[in-house]
PDB file of N, CA and C in Angstrom:
ATOM      1  N   MET A   1     -22.019 108.423 101.839  1.00  0.00           N
ATOM      2  CA  MET A   1     -21.696 109.844 101.584  1.00  0.00           C
ATOM      3  C   MET A   1     -20.207 109.997 101.331  1.00  0.00           C
ATOM      4  N   ASN A   2     -19.378 109.268 102.107  1.00  0.00           N
ATOM      5  CA  ASN A   2     -17.926 109.392 101.897  1.00  0.00           C
ATOM      6  C   ASN A   2     -17.534 108.978 100.481  1.00  0.00           C
ATOM      7  N   ILE A   3     -18.095 107.892 100.015  1.00  0.00           N
ATOM      8  CA  ILE A   3     -17.738 107.457  98.673  1.00  0.00           C
ATOM      9  C   ILE A   3     -18.133 108.503  97.612  1.00  0.00           C
ATOM     10  N   LEU A   4     -19.288 109.079  97.742  1.00  0.00           N
ATOM     11  CA  LEU A   4     -19.684 110.123  96.827  1.00  0.00           C
ATOM     12  C   LEU A   4     -18.767 111.364  96.917  1.00  0.00           C
ATOM     13  N   LYS A   5     -18.339 111.662  98.134  1.00  0.00           N
ATOM     14  CA  LYS A   5     -17.383 112.781  98.358  1.00  0.00           C
ATOM     15  C   LYS A   5     -16.048 112.464  97.699  1.00  0.00           C
ATOM     16  N   TRP A   6     -15.534 111.241  97.912  1.00  0.00           N
ATOM     17  CA  TRP A   6     -14.228 110.848  97.344  1.00  0.00           C
ATOM     18  C   TRP A   6     -14.314 110.859  95.804  1.00  0.00           C
ATOM     19  N   LEU A   7     -15.410 110.364  95.257  1.00  0.00           N
ATOM     20  CA  LEU A   7     -15.542 110.303  93.809  1.00  0.00           C
ATOM     21  C   LEU A   7     -15.763 111.697  93.169  1.00  0.00           C
ATOM     22  N   LYS A   8     -16.080 112.688  93.980  1.00  0.00           N
ATOM     23  CA  LYS A   8     -16.198 114.081  93.439  1.00  0.00           C
ATOM     24  C   LYS A   8     -14.849 114.559  92.986  1.00  0.00           C
ATOM     25  N   GLU A   9     -13.779 114.152  93.704  1.00  0.00           N
ATOM     26  CA  GLU A   9     -12.410 114.549  93.380  1.00  0.00           C
ATOM     27  C   GLU A   9     -11.530 113.279  93.348  1.00  0.00           C
ATOM     28  N   PRO A  10     -11.746 112.404  92.360  1.00  0.00           N
ATOM     29  CA  PRO A  10     -11.012 111.133  92.380  1.00  0.00           C
ATOM     30  C   PRO A  10      -9.525 111.291  92.277  1.00  0.00           C
ATOM     31  N   GLU A  11      -9.080 112.285  91.569  1.00  0.00           N
ATOM     32  CA  GLU A  11      -7.620 112.472  91.429  1.00  0.00           C
ATOM     33  C   GLU A  11      -6.966 112.849  92.731  1.00  0.00           C
ATOM     34  N   ARG A  12      -7.733 113.416  93.646  1.00  0.00           N
ATOM     35  CA  ARG A  12      -7.207 113.803  94.965  1.00  0.00           C
ATOM     36  C   ARG A  12      -7.223 112.607  95.909  1.00  0.00           C
ATOM     37  N   HIS A  13      -8.209 111.727  95.818  1.00  0.00           N
ATOM     38  CA  HIS A  13      -8.400 110.688  96.801  1.00  0.00           C
ATOM     39  C   HIS A  13      -7.867 109.322  96.362  1.00  0.00           C
ATOM     40  N   PHE A  14      -7.594 109.138  95.077  1.00  0.00           N
ATOM     41  CA  PHE A  14      -7.167 107.854  94.533  1.00  0.00           C
ATOM     42  C   PHE A  14      -5.997 108.022  93.565  1.00  0.00           C
ATOM     43  N   PRO A  15      -5.104 107.046  93.495  1.00  0.00           N
ATOM     44  CA  PRO A  15      -4.031 107.134  92.500  1.00  0.00           C
ATOM     45  C   PRO A  15      -4.620 107.030  91.103  1.00  0.00           C
ATOM     46  N   ASP A  16      -3.807 107.249  90.087  1.00  0.00           N
ATOM     47  CA  ASP A  16      -4.229 107.128  88.717  1.00  0.00           C
ATOM     48  C   ASP A  16      -4.892 105.798  88.441  1.00  0.00           C
ATOM     49  N   GLN A  17      -6.135 105.850  87.972  1.00  0.00           N
ATOM     50  CA  GLN A  17      -6.932 104.665  87.765  1.00  0.00           C
ATOM     51  C   GLN A  17      -6.914 104.175  86.296  1.00  0.00           C
ATOM     52  N   SER A  18      -6.205 104.837  85.456  1.00  0.00           N
ATOM     53  CA  SER A  18      -6.323 104.518  84.014  1.00  0.00           C
ATOM     54  C   SER A  18      -5.528 103.281  83.591  1.00  0.00           C
ATOM     55  N   ALA A  19      -4.756 102.686  84.498  1.00  0.00           N
ATOM     56  CA  ALA A  19      -3.857 101.568  84.113  1.00  0.00           C
ATOM     57  C   ALA A  19      -4.621 100.401  83.518  1.00  0.00           C
ATOM     58  N   ASN A  20      -5.813 100.103  84.002  1.00  0.00           N
ATOM     59  CA  ASN A  20      -6.545  98.932  83.561  1.00  0.00           C
ATOM     60  C   ASN A  20      -7.667  99.253  82.561  1.00  0.00           C
ATOM     61  N   ILE A  21      -7.734 100.548  82.191  1.00  0.00           N
ATOM     62  CA  ILE A  21      -8.751 100.884  81.218  1.00  0.00           C
ATOM     63  C   ILE A  21      -8.114 100.898  79.832  1.00  0.00           C
ATOM     64  N   PRO A  22      -8.636 100.131  78.890  1.00  0.00           N
ATOM     65  CA  PRO A  22      -8.049 100.088  77.549  1.00  0.00           C
ATOM     66  C   PRO A  22      -7.974 101.420  76.859  1.00  0.00           C
ATOM     67  N   LYS A  23      -6.940 101.624  76.055  1.00  0.00           N
ATOM     68  CA  LYS A  23      -6.792 102.889  75.348  1.00  0.00           C
ATOM     69  C   LYS A  23      -8.002 103.122  74.458  1.00  0.00           C
ATOM     70  N   GLY A  24      -8.419 104.314  74.381  1.00  0.00           N
ATOM     71  CA  GLY A  24      -9.610 104.683  73.582  1.00  0.00           C
ATOM     72  C   GLY A  24     -10.920 104.501  74.284  1.00  0.00           C
ATOM     73  N   GLU A  25     -10.913 103.927  75.486  1.00  0.00           N
ATOM     74  CA  GLU A  25     -12.075 103.746  76.265  1.00  0.00           C
ATOM     75  C   GLU A  25     -12.107 104.860  77.321  1.00  0.00           C
ATOM     76  N   GLY A  26     -12.777 105.925  77.060  1.00  0.00           N
ATOM     77  CA  GLY A  26     -12.781 107.049  78.001  1.00  0.00           C
ATOM     78  C   GLY A  26     -13.759 106.820  79.131  1.00  0.00           C
ATOM     79  N   PHE A  27     -13.251 106.681  80.293  1.00  0.00           N
ATOM     80  CA  PHE A  27     -14.096 106.637  81.481  1.00  0.00           C
ATOM     81  C   PHE A  27     -13.420 107.472  82.535  1.00  0.00           C
ATOM     82  N   GLU A  28     -13.178 108.737  82.188  1.00  0.00           N
ATOM     83  CA  GLU A  28     -12.477 109.625  83.085  1.00  0.00           C
ATOM     84  C   GLU A  28     -13.142 109.746  84.432  1.00  0.00           C
ATOM     85  N   GLY A  29     -12.321 109.801  85.458  1.00  0.00           N
ATOM     86  CA  GLY A  29     -12.819 109.892  86.818  1.00  0.00           C
ATOM     87  C   GLY A  29     -13.282 108.593  87.415  1.00  0.00           C
ATOM     88  N   GLY A  30     -13.192 107.512  86.674  1.00  0.00           N
ATOM     89  CA  GLY A  30     -13.606 106.221  87.164  1.00  0.00           C
ATOM     90  C   GLY A  30     -12.562 105.654  88.172  1.00  0.00           C
ATOM     91  N   VAL A  31     -13.061 105.042  89.236  1.00  0.00           N
ATOM     92  CA  VAL A  31     -12.224 104.453  90.265  1.00  0.00           C
ATOM     93  C   VAL A  31     -12.587 103.008  90.428  1.00  0.00           C
ATOM     94  N   CYS A  32     -11.566 102.156  90.501  1.00  0.00           N
ATOM     95  CA  CYS A  32     -11.770 100.725  90.658  1.00  0.00           C
ATOM     96  C   CYS A  32     -12.328 100.422  92.037  1.00  0.00           C
ATOM     97  N   VAL A  33     -13.228  99.410  92.085  1.00  0.00           N
ATOM     98  CA  VAL A  33     -13.882  98.992  93.354  1.00  0.00           C
ATOM     99  C   VAL A  33     -12.851  98.697  94.409  1.00  0.00           C
ATOM    100  N   GLY A  34     -11.768  98.036  94.025  1.00  0.00           N
ATOM    101  CA  GLY A  34     -10.724  97.657  95.024  1.00  0.00           C
ATOM    102  C   GLY A  34     -10.109  98.878  95.689  1.00  0.00           C
ATOM    103  N   GLU A  35      -9.904  99.932  94.925  1.00  0.00           N
ATOM    104  CA  GLU A  35      -9.325 101.167  95.508  1.00  0.00           C
ATOM    105  C   GLU A  35     -10.321 101.823  96.475  1.00  0.00           C
ATOM    106  N   ILE A  36     -11.588 101.783  96.102  1.00  0.00           N
ATOM    107  CA  ILE A  36     -12.611 102.395  96.996  1.00  0.00           C
ATOM    108  C   ILE A  36     -12.673 101.534  98.292  1.00  0.00           C
ATOM    109  N   GLN A  37     -12.623 100.229  98.156  1.00  0.00           N
ATOM    110  CA  GLN A  37     -12.664  99.330  99.295  1.00  0.00           C
ATOM    111  C   GLN A  37     -11.495  99.578 100.214  1.00  0.00           C
ATOM    112  N   GLU A  38     -10.339  99.737  99.666  1.00  0.00           N
ATOM    113  CA  GLU A  38      -9.117  99.972 100.451  1.00  0.00           C
ATOM    114  C   GLU A  38      -9.231 101.246 101.247  1.00  0.00           C
ATOM    115  N   LYS A  39      -9.736 102.302 100.612  1.00  0.00           N
ATOM    116  CA  LYS A  39      -9.859 103.616 101.289  1.00  0.00           C
ATOM    117  C   LYS A  39     -10.932 103.569 102.376  1.00  0.00           C
ATOM    118  N   ALA A  40     -12.037 102.845 102.060  1.00  0.00           N
ATOM    119  CA  ALA A  40     -13.166 102.788 103.012  1.00  0.00           C
ATOM    120  C   ALA A  40     -12.833 101.893 104.221  1.00  0.00           C
ATOM    121  N   LYS A  41     -11.868 100.968 104.029  1.00  0.00           N
ATOM    122  CA  LYS A  41     -11.497 100.046 105.140  1.00  0.00           C
ATOM    123  C   LYS A  41     -12.676  99.184 105.588  1.00  0.00           C
ATOM    124  N   ILE A  42     -13.454  98.746 104.598  1.00  0.00           N
ATOM    125  CA  ILE A  42     -14.535  97.787 104.864  1.00  0.00           C
ATOM    126  C   ILE A  42     -14.421  96.681 103.802  1.00  0.00           C
ATOM    127  N   SER A  43     -15.147  95.629 103.974  1.00  0.00           N
ATOM    128  CA  SER A  43     -15.047  94.476 103.073  1.00  0.00           C
ATOM    129  C   SER A  43     -15.471  94.868 101.656  1.00  0.00           C
ATOM    130  N   GLN A  44     -14.896  94.167 100.669  1.00  0.00           N
ATOM    131  CA  GLN A  44     -15.215  94.434  99.278  1.00  0.00           C
ATOM    132  C   GLN A  44     -16.682  94.125  98.998  1.00  0.00           C
ATOM    133  N   SER A  45     -17.214  93.103  99.630  1.00  0.00           N
ATOM    134  CA  SER A  45     -18.659  92.808  99.385  1.00  0.00           C
ATOM    135  C   SER A  45     -19.557  93.938  99.898  1.00  0.00           C
ATOM    136  N   THR A  46     -19.193  94.555 101.014  1.00  0.00           N
ATOM    137  CA  THR A  46     -19.982  95.676 101.524  1.00  0.00           C
ATOM    138  C   THR A  46     -19.868  96.885 100.604  1.00  0.00           C
ATOM    139  N   VAL A  47     -18.640  97.196 100.165  1.00  0.00           N
ATOM    140  CA  VAL A  47     -18.449  98.308  99.241  1.00  0.00           C
ATOM    141  C   VAL A  47     -19.175  98.034  97.969  1.00  0.00           C
ATOM    142  N   SER A  48     -19.077  96.852  97.459  1.00  0.00           N
ATOM    143  CA  SER A  48     -19.813  96.512  96.217  1.00  0.00           C
ATOM    144  C   SER A  48     -21.303  96.682  96.352  1.00  0.00           C
ATOM    145  N   HIS A  49     -21.830  96.274  97.508  1.00  0.00           N
ATOM    146  CA  HIS A  49     -23.241  96.478  97.797  1.00  0.00           C
ATOM    147  C   HIS A  49     -23.613  97.935  97.782  1.00  0.00           C
ATOM    148  N   TYR A  50     -22.867  98.778  98.470  1.00  0.00           N
ATOM    149  CA  TYR A  50     -23.111 100.219  98.500  1.00  0.00           C
ATOM    150  C   TYR A  50     -23.033 100.835  97.097  1.00  0.00           C
ATOM    151  N   LEU A  51     -21.985 100.435  96.355  1.00  0.00           N
ATOM    152  CA  LEU A  51     -21.837 100.968  94.983  1.00  0.00           C
ATOM    153  C   LEU A  51     -22.993 100.548  94.109  1.00  0.00           C
ATOM    154  N   ASN A  52     -23.449  99.291  94.228  1.00  0.00           N
ATOM    155  CA  ASN A  52     -24.561  98.804  93.443  1.00  0.00           C
ATOM    156  C   ASN A  52     -25.852  99.566  93.755  1.00  0.00           C
ATOM    157  N   MET A  53     -26.070  99.813  95.023  1.00  0.00           N
ATOM    158  CA  MET A  53     -27.254 100.596  95.440  1.00  0.00           C
ATOM    159  C   MET A  53     -27.209 102.027  94.845  1.00  0.00           C
ATOM    160  N   MET A  54     -26.041 102.662  94.927  1.00  0.00           N
ATOM    161  CA  MET A  54     -25.942 104.018  94.400  1.00  0.00           C
ATOM    162  C   MET A  54     -26.052 104.016  92.867  1.00  0.00           C
ATOM    163  N   HIS A  55     -25.537 102.958  92.220  1.00  0.00           N
ATOM    164  CA  HIS A  55     -25.671 102.814  90.775  1.00  0.00           C
ATOM    165  C   HIS A  55     -27.150 102.678  90.397  1.00  0.00           C
ATOM    166  N   LYS A  56     -27.858 101.795  91.072  1.00  0.00           N
ATOM    167  CA  LYS A  56     -29.248 101.600  90.765  1.00  0.00           C
ATOM    168  C   LYS A  56     -30.091 102.849  91.021  1.00  0.00           C
ATOM    169  N   ALA A  57     -29.673 103.693  92.005  1.00  0.00           N
ATOM    170  CA  ALA A  57     -30.383 104.934  92.294  1.00  0.00           C
ATOM    171  C   ALA A  57     -30.068 106.015  91.278  1.00  0.00           C
ATOM    172  N   GLY A  58     -29.044 105.778  90.429  1.00  0.00           N
ATOM    173  CA  GLY A  58     -28.672 106.754  89.423  1.00  0.00           C
ATOM    174  C   GLY A  58     -27.526 107.679  89.808  1.00  0.00           C
ATOM    175  N   LEU A  59     -26.999 107.567  91.019  1.00  0.00           N
ATOM    176  CA  LEU A  59     -25.954 108.443  91.507  1.00  0.00           C
ATOM    177  C   LEU A  59     -24.599 108.131  90.907  1.00  0.00           C
ATOM    178  N   LEU A  60     -24.389 106.908  90.445  1.00  0.00           N
ATOM    179  CA  LEU A  60     -23.108 106.495  89.889  1.00  0.00           C
ATOM    180  C   LEU A  60     -23.257 105.875  88.533  1.00  0.00           C
ATOM    181  N   GLU A  61     -22.209 105.960  87.733  1.00  0.00           N
ATOM    182  CA  GLU A  61     -22.089 105.261  86.469  1.00  0.00           C
ATOM    183  C   GLU A  61     -20.985 104.233  86.642  1.00  0.00           C
ATOM    184  N   SER A  62     -21.045 103.140  85.863  1.00  0.00           N
ATOM    185  CA  SER A  62     -20.013 102.113  86.005  1.00  0.00           C
ATOM    186  C   SER A  62     -19.567 101.633  84.630  1.00  0.00           C
ATOM    187  N   ALA A  63     -18.352 101.069  84.587  1.00  0.00           N
ATOM    188  CA  ALA A  63     -17.848 100.457  83.392  1.00  0.00           C
ATOM    189  C   ALA A  63     -16.965  99.295  83.833  1.00  0.00           C
ATOM    190  N   ARG A  64     -16.995  98.216  83.046  1.00  0.00           N
ATOM    191  CA  ARG A  64     -16.204  97.038  83.378  1.00  0.00           C
ATOM    192  C   ARG A  64     -15.121  96.860  82.294  1.00  0.00           C
ATOM    193  N   TYR A  65     -13.894  96.693  82.727  1.00  0.00           N
ATOM    194  CA  TYR A  65     -12.794  96.442  81.818  1.00  0.00           C
ATOM    195  C   TYR A  65     -12.068  95.215  82.323  1.00  0.00           C
ATOM    196  N   GLY A  66     -12.226  94.107  81.631  1.00  0.00           N
ATOM    197  CA  GLY A  66     -11.652  92.834  82.106  1.00  0.00           C
ATOM    198  C   GLY A  66     -12.234  92.468  83.464  1.00  0.00           C
ATOM    199  N   GLN A  67     -11.375  92.259  84.422  1.00  0.00           N
ATOM    200  CA  GLN A  67     -11.822  91.865  85.752  1.00  0.00           C
ATOM    201  C   GLN A  67     -12.160  93.040  86.648  1.00  0.00           C
ATOM    202  N   TRP A  68     -11.927  94.255  86.167  1.00  0.00           N
ATOM    203  CA  TRP A  68     -12.045  95.451  87.007  1.00  0.00           C
ATOM    204  C   TRP A  68     -13.348  96.200  86.656  1.00  0.00           C
ATOM    205  N   THR A  69     -14.053  96.626  87.676  1.00  0.00           N
ATOM    206  CA  THR A  69     -15.234  97.492  87.533  1.00  0.00           C
ATOM    207  C   THR A  69     -14.878  98.856  88.132  1.00  0.00           C
ATOM    208  N   TYR A  70     -15.159  99.876  87.349  1.00  0.00           N
ATOM    209  CA  TYR A  70     -14.885 101.243  87.728  1.00  0.00           C
ATOM    210  C   TYR A  70     -16.176 101.987  87.942  1.00  0.00           C
ATOM    211  N   TYR A  71     -16.179 102.892  88.883  1.00  0.00           N
ATOM    212  CA  TYR A  71     -17.346 103.735  89.154  1.00  0.00           C
ATOM    213  C   TYR A  71     -16.953 105.211  89.193  1.00  0.00           C
ATOM    214  N   ARG A  72     -17.890 106.033  88.758  1.00  0.00           N
ATOM    215  CA  ARG A  72     -17.734 107.472  88.873  1.00  0.00           C
ATOM    216  C   ARG A  72     -19.123 108.080  89.145  1.00  0.00           C
ATOM    217  N   ARG A  73     -19.122 109.287  89.586  1.00  0.00           N
ATOM    218  CA  ARG A  73     -20.372 109.992  89.883  1.00  0.00           C
ATOM    219  C   ARG A  73     -21.132 110.301  88.591  1.00  0.00           C
ATOM    220  N   ASN A  74     -22.414 110.234  88.653  1.00  0.00           N
ATOM    221  CA  ASN A  74     -23.284 110.660  87.540  1.00  0.00           C
ATOM    222  C   ASN A  74     -23.678 112.111  87.828  1.00  0.00           C
ATOM    223  N   GLU A  75     -22.826 113.035  87.427  1.00  0.00           N
ATOM    224  CA  GLU A  75     -22.945 114.439  87.778  1.00  0.00           C
ATOM    225  C   GLU A  75     -24.268 115.012  87.311  1.00  0.00           C
ATOM    226  N   SER A  76     -24.727 114.697  86.104  1.00  0.00           N
ATOM    227  CA  SER A  76     -25.982 115.301  85.622  1.00  0.00           C
ATOM    228  C   SER A  76     -27.171 114.825  86.493  1.00  0.00           C
ATOM    229  N   PHE A  77     -27.164 113.549  86.867  1.00  0.00           N
ATOM    230  CA  PHE A  77     -28.260 113.036  87.720  1.00  0.00           C
ATOM    231  C   PHE A  77     -28.202 113.710  89.074  1.00  0.00           C
ATOM    232  N   ILE A  78     -27.021 113.825  89.641  1.00  0.00           N
ATOM    233  CA  ILE A  78     -26.828 114.423  90.984  1.00  0.00           C
ATOM    234  C   ILE A  78     -27.352 115.860  90.983  1.00  0.00           C
ATOM    235  N   ARG A  79     -27.025 116.633  89.910  1.00  0.00           N
ATOM    236  CA  ARG A  79     -27.485 118.038  89.840  1.00  0.00           C
ATOM    237  C   ARG A  79     -29.010 118.047  89.751  1.00  0.00           C
ATOM    238  N   ARG A  80     -29.601 117.195  88.911  1.00  0.00           N
ATOM    239  CA  ARG A  80     -31.093 117.160  88.825  1.00  0.00           C
ATOM    240  C   ARG A  80     -31.706 116.801  90.166  1.00  0.00           C
ATOM    241  N   PHE A  81     -31.104 115.812  90.861  1.00  0.00           N
ATOM    242  CA  PHE A  81     -31.612 115.332  92.118  1.00  0.00           C
ATOM    243  C   PHE A  81     -31.570 116.451  93.182  1.00  0.00           C
ATOM    244  N   ILE A  82     -30.493 117.182  93.204  1.00  0.00           N
ATOM    245  CA  ILE A  82     -30.389 118.328  94.161  1.00  0.00           C
ATOM    246  C   ILE A  82     -31.406 119.387  93.835  1.00  0.00           C
ATOM    247  N   ARG A  83     -31.574 119.730  92.561  1.00  0.00           N
ATOM    248  CA  ARG A  83     -32.606 120.728  92.176  1.00  0.00           C
ATOM    249  C   ARG A  83     -33.993 120.237  92.604  1.00  0.00           C
ATOM    250  N   SER A  84     -34.243 118.970  92.374  1.00  0.00           N
ATOM    251  CA  SER A  84     -35.556 118.419  92.771  1.00  0.00           C
ATOM    252  C   SER A  84     -35.758 118.529  94.272  1.00  0.00           C
ATOM    253  N   LEU A  85     -34.772 118.204  95.067  1.00  0.00           N
ATOM    254  CA  LEU A  85     -34.893 118.345  96.500  1.00  0.00           C
ATOM    255  C   LEU A  85     -35.164 119.768  96.913  1.00  0.00           C
ATOM    256  N   ASP A  86     -34.427 120.682  96.264  1.00  0.00           N
ATOM    257  CA  ASP A  86     -34.539 122.088  96.582  1.00  0.00           C
ATOM    258  C   ASP A  86     -35.928 122.651  96.307  1.00  0.00           C
ATOM    259  N   THR A  87     -36.530 122.170  95.214  1.00  0.00           N
ATOM    260  CA  THR A  87     -37.877 122.709  94.827  1.00  0.00           C
ATOM    261  C   THR A  87     -39.022 121.971  95.484  1.00  0.00           C
ATOM    262  N   GLU A  88     -38.833 120.700  95.804  1.00  0.00           N
ATOM    263  CA  GLU A  88     -39.956 119.919  96.288  1.00  0.00           C
ATOM    264  C   GLU A  88     -40.005 119.748  97.805  1.00  0.00           C
ATOM    265  N   ILE A  89     -38.888 119.933  98.476  1.00  0.00           N
ATOM    266  CA  ILE A  89     -38.891 119.698  99.922  1.00  0.00           C
ATOM    267  C   ILE A  89     -38.638 121.024 100.608  1.00  0.00           C
TER     268      ILE A  89
END
């Protein structure tokens, strides 16, 4: 939950992440795994596992640039998921 909260406002919770994203490659709001790991204060393998699970569930989008993988929230999926919860549960 914390990761999803942090990624809702990445500019507030993480420094500028665009340094390793090539020019012309728009992945606004993306945050590098290492930055998420540092903020979470848990191992990178654990953070990567959590991010991978959220990605597979559709909650996150990812992009890889060189050695860095960036994640951001999949806002359209999250909105649909919340609407579904609201109507079905």
